Amino acid sequence: MEVSKTILSLNNNSGAGSFPVFHALRGAESPLILFVHGLCCSTTIFDDAFTSPSLTPDFSIASLDLPGFGQSEHLPDPTMAALAGACETAIRHLKQHSSRIHLVAHSMGGAVVLKLPEALLEDRATIGSLLIAEGNLVAEDCSLFSRGIAARPEADFIAAYPRFAPKLAAVPYLDVAPLTPRTVYRAAKDLVACSDASPSLLDTLHRLRVPAGYVYGEENGDMPVLDRLGDIPQFMVCRSGHAMMRDNPAEFYDIVGNWCRAHQD
């Protein structure tokens, strides 16, 4: 099935007006899985989803570059709420052409989807389920690099970015070239603030009535959040780290497909 890659002009509910957002879409009629990426990533981290036999032919597949990332237009202040506004608009656009949408959110994407309106997340005619892949839910989830970024004054980080960017670029799953230092800093700063907040994003996840699960890489089996998930189902991807969809795509997308099929009704 052909994958279309296009720029959509969306009206952002966060008040930013109309702006271009890049998205990739395969199919449009069957139940749809929307993948939401993390900090300094883009749709490219989910490239294997579009060819995965675990998802074909049961699901349409979509992913989007959040504003400021990949090929999407930058926002002046890319807070989690502003990124969620873009995500909400994309969901409502995609819903016109498909039945239920399953959300799969990685890293910062977990914080973004949990900033969506709860009424939308709990609308079972729209949202079939939510699967968090090592998403930012608690303070300890910011240990990779976002907390280090947020600890510095913005002007200092921007001045040091030419030296910092090559370190980011060395991480295979990141998409660093399109980024601006202000986008990286402000998104990281707000991500840390949201992860440190009380009640936590994990509290929000527990409160929601949408079916929710959590996926993590085998290398990260000691994350503190795992002991706090309670009755939220957990799935481990063997031989993988934070980027489990890159490290072991076959197993990751098998988990995604089985999860979404189990929550079709």
C-alpha atoms as a PDB file:
ATOM      1  CA  MET A   1       0.000   0.000   0.000  1.00  0.00           C
ATOM      2  CA  GLU A   2       1.358   3.406  -0.988  1.00  0.00           C
ATOM      3  CA  VAL A   3       2.553   5.874   1.640  1.00  0.00           C
ATOM      4  CA  SER A   4       1.679   9.530   1.051  1.00  0.00           C
ATOM      5  CA  LYS A   5       3.892  12.195   2.592  1.00  0.00           C
ATOM      6  CA  THR A   6       2.320  15.615   2.588  1.00  0.00           C
ATOM      7  CA  ILE A   7       2.204  18.985   4.312  1.00  0.00           C
ATOM      8  CA  LEU A   8      -1.099  19.797   5.974  1.00  0.00           C
ATOM      9  CA  SER A   9      -2.196  23.308   6.871  1.00  0.00           C
ATOM     10  CA  LEU A  10      -3.807  22.933  10.268  1.00  0.00           C
ATOM     11  CA  ASN A  11      -5.591  25.389  12.517  1.00  0.00           C
ATOM     12  CA  ASN A  12      -3.960  24.889  15.899  1.00  0.00           C
ATOM     13  CA  ASN A  13      -6.347  24.877  18.860  1.00  0.00           C
ATOM     14  CA  SER A  14      -3.529  26.261  21.024  1.00  0.00           C
ATOM     15  CA  GLY A  15      -4.007  29.667  19.386  1.00  0.00           C
ATOM     16  CA  ALA A  16      -1.015  29.619  17.046  1.00  0.00           C
ATOM     17  CA  GLY A  17      -3.221  29.994  13.994  1.00  0.00           C
ATOM     18  CA  SER A  18      -2.790  28.043  10.776  1.00  0.00           C
ATOM     19  CA  PHE A  19       0.599  26.407  10.253  1.00  0.00           C
ATOM     20  CA  PRO A  20       2.115  23.628   8.132  1.00  0.00           C
ATOM     21  CA  VAL A  21       2.565  20.147   9.645  1.00  0.00           C
ATOM     22  CA  PHE A  22       4.250  17.285   7.807  1.00  0.00           C
ATOM     23  CA  HIS A  23       2.652  13.874   8.062  1.00  0.00           C
ATOM     24  CA  ALA A  24       2.983  10.440   6.509  1.00  0.00           C
ATOM     25  CA  LEU A  25      -0.124   8.327   5.860  1.00  0.00           C
ATOM     26  CA  ARG A  26      -0.699   4.806   4.557  1.00  0.00           C
ATOM     27  CA  GLY A  27      -4.357   3.969   3.926  1.00  0.00           C
ATOM     28  CA  ALA A  28      -7.282   5.930   5.274  1.00  0.00           C
ATOM     29  CA  GLU A  29     -10.256   3.644   5.782  1.00  0.00           C
ATOM     30  CA  SER A  30      -9.425   0.908   8.258  1.00  0.00           C
ATOM     31  CA  PRO A  31      -8.774   1.687  11.952  1.00  0.00           C
ATOM     32  CA  LEU A  32      -5.761   3.958  12.137  1.00  0.00           C
ATOM     33  CA  ILE A  33      -2.645   3.978  14.320  1.00  0.00           C
ATOM     34  CA  LEU A  34      -1.125   7.433  14.866  1.00  0.00           C
ATOM     35  CA  PHE A  35       2.504   7.457  16.009  1.00  0.00           C
ATOM     36  CA  VAL A  36       3.758  10.480  17.989  1.00  0.00           C
ATOM     37  CA  HIS A  37       7.527  10.980  18.272  1.00  0.00           C
ATOM     38  CA  GLY A  38       9.751  12.286  21.035  1.00  0.00           C
ATOM     39  CA  LEU A  39      12.178  15.149  21.609  1.00  0.00           C
ATOM     40  CA  CYS A  40      14.620  15.773  18.742  1.00  0.00           C
ATOM     41  CA  CYS A  41      12.957  13.028  16.678  1.00  0.00           C
ATOM     42  CA  SER A  42      10.552  13.030  13.722  1.00  0.00           C
ATOM     43  CA  THR A  43       8.335  10.701  11.723  1.00  0.00           C
ATOM     44  CA  THR A  44      11.471   8.896  10.532  1.00  0.00           C
ATOM     45  CA  ILE A  45      11.778   6.994  13.805  1.00  0.00           C
ATOM     46  CA  PHE A  46       8.587   5.139  12.819  1.00  0.00           C
ATOM     47  CA  ASP A  47       9.554   4.368   9.208  1.00  0.00           C
ATOM     48  CA  ASP A  48       9.350   0.609   9.794  1.00  0.00           C
ATOM     49  CA  ALA A  49       5.692   0.900  10.813  1.00  0.00           C
ATOM     50  CA  PHE A  50       4.662   1.528   7.213  1.00  0.00           C
ATOM     51  CA  THR A  51       6.028  -1.795   6.014  1.00  0.00           C
ATOM     52  CA  SER A  52       5.511  -3.910   9.124  1.00  0.00           C
ATOM     53  CA  PRO A  53       3.623  -7.168   8.424  1.00  0.00           C
ATOM     54  CA  SER A  54       2.317  -6.984  11.986  1.00  0.00           C
ATOM     55  CA  LEU A  55       0.232  -3.922  11.059  1.00  0.00           C
ATOM     56  CA  THR A  56      -0.749  -4.810   7.477  1.00  0.00           C
ATOM     57  CA  PRO A  57      -3.499  -4.995   6.288  1.00  0.00           C
ATOM     58  CA  ASP A  58      -5.511  -4.432   9.467  1.00  0.00           C
ATOM     59  CA  PHE A  59      -4.568  -0.807  10.082  1.00  0.00           C
ATOM     60  CA  SER A  60      -3.961   2.456   8.348  1.00  0.00           C
ATOM     61  CA  ILE A  61      -0.766   4.083   9.613  1.00  0.00           C
ATOM     62  CA  ALA A  62      -0.010   7.750  10.240  1.00  0.00           C
ATOM     63  CA  SER A  63       2.777   9.704  11.875  1.00  0.00           C
ATOM     64  CA  LEU A  64       3.365  13.424  12.084  1.00  0.00           C
ATOM     65  CA  ASP A  65       6.254  15.763  12.686  1.00  0.00           C
ATOM     66  CA  LEU A  66       5.283  17.822  15.711  1.00  0.00           C
ATOM     67  CA  PRO A  67       5.740  21.576  15.168  1.00  0.00           C
ATOM     68  CA  GLY A  68       9.410  22.470  15.305  1.00  0.00           C
ATOM     69  CA  PHE A  69      10.559  18.948  14.429  1.00  0.00           C
ATOM     70  CA  GLY A  70      11.255  17.189  11.149  1.00  0.00           C
ATOM     71  CA  GLN A  71       9.626  19.007   8.242  1.00  0.00           C
ATOM     72  CA  SER A  72       6.940  20.847  10.216  1.00  0.00           C
ATOM     73  CA  GLU A  73       6.855  24.581  10.799  1.00  0.00           C
ATOM     74  CA  HIS A  74       8.367  25.921  14.017  1.00  0.00           C
ATOM     75  CA  LEU A  75       6.277  27.393  16.808  1.00  0.00           C
ATOM     76  CA  PRO A  76       7.568  30.372  18.842  1.00  0.00           C
ATOM     77  CA  ASP A  77       7.089  28.427  22.084  1.00  0.00           C
ATOM     78  CA  PRO A  78       6.799  24.644  21.586  1.00  0.00           C
ATOM     79  CA  THR A  79       5.305  23.726  24.965  1.00  0.00           C
ATOM     80  CA  MET A  80       3.702  20.328  25.484  1.00  0.00           C
ATOM     81  CA  ALA A  81       0.292  22.039  25.401  1.00  0.00           C
ATOM     82  CA  ALA A  82       1.083  23.728  22.075  1.00  0.00           C
ATOM     83  CA  LEU A  83       2.345  20.464  20.568  1.00  0.00           C
ATOM     84  CA  ALA A  84      -0.764  18.718  21.890  1.00  0.00           C
ATOM     85  CA  GLY A  85      -2.863  21.352  20.138  1.00  0.00           C
ATOM     86  CA  ALA A  86      -1.268  20.391  16.832  1.00  0.00           C
ATOM     87  CA  CYS A  87      -1.722  16.702  17.638  1.00  0.00           C
ATOM     88  CA  GLU A  88      -5.394  17.240  18.471  1.00  0.00           C
ATOM     89  CA  THR A  89      -5.993  19.031  15.189  1.00  0.00           C
ATOM     90  CA  ALA A  90      -4.271  16.222  13.291  1.00  0.00           C
ATOM     91  CA  ILE A  91      -6.415  13.632  15.097  1.00  0.00           C
ATOM     92  CA  ARG A  92      -9.620  15.443  14.162  1.00  0.00           C
ATOM     93  CA  HIS A  93      -8.441  15.726  10.550  1.00  0.00           C
ATOM     94  CA  LEU A  94      -7.532  12.030  10.342  1.00  0.00           C
ATOM     95  CA  LYS A  95     -10.788  11.001  11.994  1.00  0.00           C
ATOM     96  CA  GLN A  96     -12.688  12.322   8.973  1.00  0.00           C
ATOM     97  CA  HIS A  97     -11.215   9.517   6.884  1.00  0.00           C
ATOM     98  CA  SER A  98     -10.988   6.591   9.317  1.00  0.00           C
ATOM     99  CA  SER A  99     -12.727   4.892  12.201  1.00  0.00           C
ATOM    100  CA  ARG A 100     -11.100   4.744  15.626  1.00  0.00           C
ATOM    101  CA  ILE A 101      -7.548   6.007  16.118  1.00  0.00           C
ATOM    102  CA  HIS A 102      -5.035   4.219  18.312  1.00  0.00           C
ATOM    103  CA  LEU A 103      -2.298   6.487  19.706  1.00  0.00           C
ATOM    104  CA  VAL A 104       1.268   5.201  20.088  1.00  0.00           C
ATOM    105  CA  ALA A 105       3.472   7.803  21.767  1.00  0.00           C
ATOM    106  CA  HIS A 106       7.233   7.601  22.277  1.00  0.00           C
ATOM    107  CA  SER A 107       9.279   9.509  24.861  1.00  0.00           C
ATOM    108  CA  MET A 108       8.225  13.200  24.831  1.00  0.00           C
ATOM    109  CA  GLY A 109       5.262  12.106  22.712  1.00  0.00           C
ATOM    110  CA  GLY A 110       3.833  10.531  25.866  1.00  0.00           C
ATOM    111  CA  ALA A 111       3.695  13.935  27.538  1.00  0.00           C
ATOM    112  CA  VAL A 112       2.200  15.462  24.390  1.00  0.00           C
ATOM    113  CA  VAL A 113      -0.696  12.998  24.131  1.00  0.00           C
ATOM    114  CA  LEU A 114      -1.414  13.260  27.867  1.00  0.00           C
ATOM    115  CA  LYS A 115      -1.834  17.009  27.353  1.00  0.00           C
ATOM    116  CA  LEU A 116      -4.664  16.325  24.895  1.00  0.00           C
ATOM    117  CA  PRO A 117      -8.126  17.183  26.240  1.00  0.00           C
ATOM    118  CA  GLU A 118      -9.328  14.339  28.450  1.00  0.00           C
ATOM    119  CA  ALA A 119     -12.701  14.506  26.727  1.00  0.00           C
ATOM    120  CA  LEU A 120     -10.969  13.628  23.460  1.00  0.00           C
ATOM    121  CA  LEU A 121      -8.855  10.845  24.962  1.00  0.00           C
ATOM    122  CA  GLU A 122     -11.947   9.293  26.534  1.00  0.00           C
ATOM    123  CA  ASP A 123     -14.104   9.615  23.405  1.00  0.00           C
ATOM    124  CA  ARG A 124     -14.271   5.932  22.461  1.00  0.00           C
ATOM    125  CA  ALA A 125     -15.771   6.802  19.079  1.00  0.00           C
ATOM    126  CA  THR A 126     -12.481   8.550  18.273  1.00  0.00           C
ATOM    127  CA  ILE A 127      -9.697   7.045  20.415  1.00  0.00           C
ATOM    128  CA  GLY A 128      -9.431   3.263  20.525  1.00  0.00           C
ATOM    129  CA  SER A 129      -6.454   3.003  22.877  1.00  0.00           C
ATOM    130  CA  LEU A 130      -3.229   4.597  24.070  1.00  0.00           C
ATOM    131  CA  LEU A 131       0.149   2.856  24.060  1.00  0.00           C
ATOM    132  CA  ILE A 132       3.039   4.694  25.738  1.00  0.00           C
ATOM    133  CA  ALA A 133       6.557   3.708  24.629  1.00  0.00           C
ATOM    134  CA  GLU A 134       8.873   4.886  27.412  1.00  0.00           C
ATOM    135  CA  GLY A 135       6.950   8.136  27.504  1.00  0.00           C
ATOM    136  CA  ASN A 136       7.705  10.960  29.919  1.00  0.00           C
ATOM    137  CA  LEU A 137       5.363  10.308  32.838  1.00  0.00           C
ATOM    138  CA  VAL A 138       7.401  11.084  35.979  1.00  0.00           C
ATOM    139  CA  ALA A 139      10.403  13.219  36.925  1.00  0.00           C
ATOM    140  CA  GLU A 140      12.897  10.365  36.540  1.00  0.00           C
ATOM    141  CA  ASP A 141      11.929  10.002  32.867  1.00  0.00           C
ATOM    142  CA  CYS A 142      13.824  13.197  32.033  1.00  0.00           C
ATOM    143  CA  SER A 143      17.241  11.725  32.778  1.00  0.00           C
ATOM    144  CA  LEU A 144      18.312  11.079  29.156  1.00  0.00           C
ATOM    145  CA  PHE A 145      19.175  14.670  28.178  1.00  0.00           C
ATOM    146  CA  SER A 146      16.143  16.951  28.596  1.00  0.00           C
ATOM    147  CA  ARG A 147      16.871  17.776  32.255  1.00  0.00           C
ATOM    148  CA  GLY A 148      20.455  18.700  31.460  1.00  0.00           C
ATOM    149  CA  ILE A 149      19.247  21.042  28.729  1.00  0.00           C
ATOM    150  CA  ALA A 150      16.582  22.630  30.916  1.00  0.00           C
ATOM    151  CA  ALA A 151      19.019  23.278  33.768  1.00  0.00           C
ATOM    152  CA  ARG A 152      20.877  25.904  31.739  1.00  0.00           C
ATOM    153  CA  PRO A 153      19.731  29.445  30.937  1.00  0.00           C
ATOM    154  CA  GLU A 154      18.270  29.612  27.428  1.00  0.00           C
ATOM    155  CA  ALA A 155      20.874  32.074  26.147  1.00  0.00           C
ATOM    156  CA  ASP A 156      23.707  29.844  27.385  1.00  0.00           C
ATOM    157  CA  PHE A 157      22.247  26.769  25.713  1.00  0.00           C
ATOM    158  CA  ILE A 158      21.739  28.583  22.409  1.00  0.00           C
ATOM    159  CA  ALA A 159      25.329  29.866  22.500  1.00  0.00           C
ATOM    160  CA  ALA A 160      26.642  26.358  23.236  1.00  0.00           C
ATOM    161  CA  TYR A 161      24.392  24.593  20.717  1.00  0.00           C
ATOM    162  CA  PRO A 162      26.992  24.381  17.910  1.00  0.00           C
ATOM    163  CA  ARG A 163      29.082  22.219  20.269  1.00  0.00           C
ATOM    164  CA  PHE A 164      26.080  20.268  21.600  1.00  0.00           C
ATOM    165  CA  ALA A 165      24.403  19.476  18.270  1.00  0.00           C
ATOM    166  CA  PRO A 166      27.059  16.976  17.101  1.00  0.00           C
ATOM    167  CA  LYS A 167      26.456  14.935  20.269  1.00  0.00           C
ATOM    168  CA  LEU A 168      22.759  14.781  19.413  1.00  0.00           C
ATOM    169  CA  ALA A 169      23.527  13.955  15.798  1.00  0.00           C
ATOM    170  CA  ALA A 170      25.592  10.964  16.948  1.00  0.00           C
ATOM    171  CA  VAL A 171      22.421   9.332  18.340  1.00  0.00           C
ATOM    172  CA  PRO A 172      21.146   7.268  15.375  1.00  0.00           C
ATOM    173  CA  TYR A 173      17.413   7.655  15.951  1.00  0.00           C
ATOM    174  CA  LEU A 174      17.393  11.445  16.391  1.00  0.00           C
ATOM    175  CA  ASP A 175      16.618  13.828  13.509  1.00  0.00           C
ATOM    176  CA  VAL A 176      18.793  16.782  14.403  1.00  0.00           C
ATOM    177  CA  ALA A 177      19.329  18.653  11.128  1.00  0.00           C
ATOM    178  CA  PRO A 178      15.954  20.499  11.049  1.00  0.00           C
ATOM    179  CA  LEU A 179      16.118  21.614  14.689  1.00  0.00           C
ATOM    180  CA  THR A 180      16.739  25.090  16.039  1.00  0.00           C
ATOM    181  CA  PRO A 181      18.379  25.507  19.459  1.00  0.00           C
ATOM    182  CA  ARG A 182      15.378  27.485  20.710  1.00  0.00           C
ATOM    183  CA  THR A 183      12.974  24.670  19.798  1.00  0.00           C
ATOM    184  CA  VAL A 184      15.169  22.086  21.522  1.00  0.00           C
ATOM    185  CA  TYR A 185      15.571  24.224  24.636  1.00  0.00           C
ATOM    186  CA  ARG A 186      11.967  25.336  25.059  1.00  0.00           C
ATOM    187  CA  ALA A 187      10.521  21.901  24.367  1.00  0.00           C
ATOM    188  CA  ALA A 188      12.970  20.309  26.830  1.00  0.00           C
ATOM    189  CA  LYS A 189      12.278  22.989  29.451  1.00  0.00           C
ATOM    190  CA  ASP A 190       8.531  22.481  29.336  1.00  0.00           C
ATOM    191  CA  LEU A 191       8.883  18.699  29.134  1.00  0.00           C
ATOM    192  CA  VAL A 192      10.811  18.718  32.412  1.00  0.00           C
ATOM    193  CA  ALA A 193       8.248  21.040  34.000  1.00  0.00           C
ATOM    194  CA  CYS A 194       5.396  18.759  32.950  1.00  0.00           C
ATOM    195  CA  SER A 195       7.233  15.645  34.123  1.00  0.00           C
ATOM    196  CA  ASP A 196       7.972  17.246  37.514  1.00  0.00           C
ATOM    197  CA  ALA A 197       4.425  18.516  38.027  1.00  0.00           C
ATOM    198  CA  SER A 198       2.063  17.271  40.720  1.00  0.00           C
ATOM    199  CA  PRO A 199      -0.277  15.599  39.989  1.00  0.00           C
ATOM    200  CA  SER A 200       2.015  13.828  37.531  1.00  0.00           C
ATOM    201  CA  LEU A 201       1.409  12.783  33.961  1.00  0.00           C
ATOM    202  CA  LEU A 202       1.339   9.242  35.337  1.00  0.00           C
ATOM    203  CA  ASP A 203      -1.544  10.304  37.600  1.00  0.00           C
ATOM    204  CA  THR A 204      -3.324  11.574  34.496  1.00  0.00           C
ATOM    205  CA  LEU A 205      -2.735   8.245  32.758  1.00  0.00           C
ATOM    206  CA  HIS A 206      -4.162   6.341  35.744  1.00  0.00           C
ATOM    207  CA  ARG A 207      -7.223   8.579  35.789  1.00  0.00           C
ATOM    208  CA  LEU A 208      -8.111   8.134  32.120  1.00  0.00           C
ATOM    209  CA  ARG A 209     -10.737   5.602  31.114  1.00  0.00           C
ATOM    210  CA  VAL A 210      -9.141   4.906  27.725  1.00  0.00           C
ATOM    211  CA  PRO A 211      -7.386   1.496  27.475  1.00  0.00           C
ATOM    212  CA  ALA A 212      -3.710   2.244  28.098  1.00  0.00           C
ATOM    213  CA  GLY A 213      -0.521   0.163  27.982  1.00  0.00           C
ATOM    214  CA  TYR A 214       3.203   0.762  28.417  1.00  0.00           C
ATOM    215  CA  VAL A 215       6.110  -0.528  26.295  1.00  0.00           C
ATOM    216  CA  TYR A 216       9.765  -0.436  27.299  1.00  0.00           C
ATOM    217  CA  GLY A 217      13.109  -1.664  26.028  1.00  0.00           C
ATOM    218  CA  GLU A 218      14.814  -4.578  27.776  1.00  0.00           C
ATOM    219  CA  GLU A 219      17.861  -2.435  28.557  1.00  0.00           C
ATOM    220  CA  ASN A 220      15.667  -0.085  30.608  1.00  0.00           C
ATOM    221  CA  GLY A 221      13.942  -2.644  32.807  1.00  0.00           C
ATOM    222  CA  ASP A 222      15.108  -0.804  35.936  1.00  0.00           C
ATOM    223  CA  MET A 223      13.196   2.424  35.244  1.00  0.00           C
ATOM    224  CA  PRO A 224      11.441   3.674  38.420  1.00  0.00           C
ATOM    225  CA  VAL A 225       8.200   4.281  36.539  1.00  0.00           C
ATOM    226  CA  LEU A 226       7.694   0.548  35.941  1.00  0.00           C
ATOM    227  CA  ASP A 227       6.976  -0.060  39.636  1.00  0.00           C
ATOM    228  CA  ARG A 228       4.412   2.753  39.628  1.00  0.00           C
ATOM    229  CA  LEU A 229       2.299   1.701  36.641  1.00  0.00           C
ATOM    230  CA  GLY A 230      -0.016  -0.383  38.792  1.00  0.00           C
ATOM    231  CA  ASP A 231      -2.498  -2.322  36.696  1.00  0.00           C
ATOM    232  CA  ILE A 232      -1.441  -0.685  33.408  1.00  0.00           C
ATOM    233  CA  PRO A 233      -0.242  -3.571  31.180  1.00  0.00           C
ATOM    234  CA  GLN A 234       3.504  -3.610  30.485  1.00  0.00           C
ATOM    235  CA  PHE A 235       5.270  -5.029  27.447  1.00  0.00           C
ATOM    236  CA  MET A 236       9.033  -5.501  27.132  1.00  0.00           C
ATOM    237  CA  VAL A 237      10.803  -5.369  23.774  1.00  0.00           C
ATOM    238  CA  CYS A 238      13.793  -7.705  23.886  1.00  0.00           C
ATOM    239  CA  ARG A 239      17.259  -6.617  22.757  1.00  0.00           C
ATOM    240  CA  SER A 240      16.363  -2.943  22.724  1.00  0.00           C
ATOM    241  CA  GLY A 241      16.823   0.337  24.528  1.00  0.00           C
ATOM    242  CA  HIS A 242      14.889   3.612  24.447  1.00  0.00           C
ATOM    243  CA  ALA A 243      14.454   3.473  20.665  1.00  0.00           C
ATOM    244  CA  MET A 244      12.888   0.018  20.680  1.00  0.00           C
ATOM    245  CA  MET A 245      11.123   0.675  17.358  1.00  0.00           C
ATOM    246  CA  ARG A 246      14.562   0.994  15.772  1.00  0.00           C
ATOM    247  CA  ASP A 247      16.461  -1.591  17.838  1.00  0.00           C
ATOM    248  CA  ASN A 248      13.923  -4.397  17.407  1.00  0.00           C
ATOM    249  CA  PRO A 249      11.184  -3.229  15.036  1.00  0.00           C
ATOM    250  CA  ALA A 250       9.718  -6.685  14.420  1.00  0.00           C
ATOM    251  CA  GLU A 251       8.951  -7.265  18.101  1.00  0.00           C
ATOM    252  CA  PHE A 252       7.892  -3.680  18.769  1.00  0.00           C
ATOM    253  CA  TYR A 253       5.358  -3.571  15.943  1.00  0.00           C
ATOM    254  CA  ASP A 254       4.137  -7.042  16.819  1.00  0.00           C
ATOM    255  CA  ILE A 255       3.294  -5.693  20.288  1.00  0.00           C
ATOM    256  CA  VAL A 256       1.634  -2.633  18.762  1.00  0.00           C
ATOM    257  CA  GLY A 257      -0.449  -4.682  16.343  1.00  0.00           C
ATOM    258  CA  ASN A 258      -1.604  -7.169  18.969  1.00  0.00           C
ATOM    259  CA  TRP A 259      -2.465  -4.370  21.390  1.00  0.00           C
ATOM    260  CA  CYS A 260      -4.523  -2.428  18.857  1.00  0.00           C
ATOM    261  CA  ARG A 261      -6.375  -5.517  17.637  1.00  0.00           C
ATOM    262  CA  ALA A 262      -7.293  -6.324  21.248  1.00  0.00           C
ATOM    263  CA  HIS A 263      -8.884  -2.881  21.636  1.00  0.00           C
ATOM    264  CA  GLN A 264     -10.906  -2.595  18.464  1.00  0.00           C
ATOM    265  CA  ASP A 265     -14.265  -2.868  20.224  1.00  0.00           C
END
